[in-house]
Amino acid sequence: MDEKQQTSIESKLRWAWHQERRYTHIRGAFRTLIWLIALLAIGFIIDWGLFAKAGLRANLGVILLVVSAGIMAWALWYEWLRHLKPFDPVHVSLAVERRHSGLNSLLVSYAQLDPTSSDKATVSADLIAAMRDQAVVQARPLDFRKIVDFGQLKNLLLVGVGMLLLFTVLSIRWSEHVNVFFKRLAGANVRYPTQTQLKSVSGDLTVRVGDAAILSAKAGGVLPSEGRLFTRPAGSNTPWKELPMKADAEQGGSYTREIKGLTGDLRYYVRVGDDRSEEHVVRILTAPQVTATKVTLEYPKYMNKVASSSDQLNLEVPEGTTLRWSLTCTPPVKRCEVIVGERTFDAKLDASGTKLDFELPAKEAFKYTFRWTEREKEFKYDDVQYAVKVLPDSLPEVELLRPAANGLATVKKNLKINVRASDDYGLSKAWLIYTINSGKEERLEIKDFQGAAAQELTHEVKLNTHEKFKGVKAPAKIDIAIEVADLHPDGAKRVRRSATRVLTIVEPEAYLEWYKAELAAQTEELKRSRDAEMTSSSQVKAIKAQETDQKPK
């Protein structure tokens, strides 16, 4: 076989391979095109019908693009690239013989038994040449390019072209939607066109706790009779609560809704017609709260008490105590007014607006409260009322134990005075208060307690030798009492006087008669007491004896 004939067979095989490869390219291209159009359609439906309608973030389009690109890469390999094979004479020969069964494997043997192969030593060269000549003769009239039937691609081409035309028509018809879709795939934060266009909404709001939030929206285009407001607590995954928004009859396209009694942050969005707003937050500013309390109590010096502190805002303190408040609050405040009765003053604030100090003297009981001005929006809040109860420093107690009653005496009497005195925070001094014959009241200091809280004292006055009484002669009348004072700075007004005793000065004979009468009276009283006791004892014995006789034997 000459070289020209050999080249002819190999050229026809290569032409057949090119035809087969062309078939693979056309089929792969149209299948990939169908995949692309289908993915674009599905992506548009997901983005427009789900992401956009639900108000999800626009950057989800990038995720959609990445997923679609991954699917397209797989489809390109599966439908196209994996079918592309390099030129293989044996493979092409098999394909030709499947179309022309009369070759009886001559063409395959021709491709396999190359005379230049290293295996020719095992096969007769003449036999190979004869076989190859016969293959050339048999293959010369055949058209190797018919190993592929392009007619099989007819339905695929019709489907691909139809989908491409449909996609083109829809892209022209809804060009704005398609344009937005491709922009969203690129991550742009754009919205699809709607029949109703929301021009503005209230956006993010900040309101005081307990106040109402008025949420509004303005729309254009096709306007429905009412809008819809969707709310739920911020940070919660609970289902959205749907509320109607009334249309303003005077201002076309305006919709409002008032939300009352808000105590926590609220997330919301508005839907009017087929348009939907972004999600916004109504932030609730709660009233400033005292989170840490330290009240320093500085007591009056005369009480000799060490300063103490309390963590309570309602207090009970001794009279005259100075109170110093050091409070920590949250959130930060711009101003804190302290209101005490009709008086109002500002507490001292630090730079952070969370720490404040003020002081007040506790001269009498009072109530106080705070008026807070928070820093961010300067909202004002009234606090609850607190009270400071003041315990007054009571007057000292004094009891004149001796003399226990009014009585008679002579000018030689030694007047023995016994007194019991006490006070909450300490005693100052004691005085003997006396008058002679209802004359001028005189004071005689008899004791310096030096701050003792309680003490019993004894004092003796010899009437005939004491300079204040040695001039007294019978008959005379001396009124005596004891006054004690505490350590209060206003000591002149803080004294307490005991009961008054009247001592009548008489001659010795009269005193002796009185003494005898008193002694007789006391003796008689003792006798009556003894007789009464004996009578009672006899009655008790009689009752016991009667009870013994009545017991059954």
Foldseek 3Di string as FASTA:
>chain_A
DDPVLVVVLVVLLVVQLVLVLVLLVVFLVLQLLVLVLVLLVVLLCCCQVPCQLVQHALLVLQVSLVVSVVVSVVSSVVRHVVPDDPRDQLVLQVLQCVVVVVLVCLSNLLSVDDVVDPCVVVPPPVVNVVSNVVSSVVCVVDRSNVSDDSVVCVVSVVVSVVSVVVVVVVCVVQVQSSVVSVVSNVVDRDHGDDQKAWPDKPAEAEDEQQAKDKIKTFIDGDFDQWKWKWKDAPPDPDGTDIDIWGADPVDGRMTIDIDGRDHAKMKMKIGTHSHIDHIHIYGYDYDKDWPWKKKWKDADVLLVDDIDIDGDQAEEEAAFIKIKIKTFIPDAFPWKWKDKPPDIDTWDADPNRGITMDMDTPNAKTKIWIWTQHDPPRDIDTDDIHIYHYDYFAFKDKEWPPPPAAEEDALQDKGKTKMKIFGDRFWAFKWKWKDKQPDDIDIHTDGGRVGDGIDMDMDIDGQCPDPVRVVDHPFIKMKIKMKIFGSPPVGVPRIDIYDIYIYTHHDPVVRVVVVVVVVVVVVVVVVVVVVVVVVVVVVVVVVVVVVVVPDDD
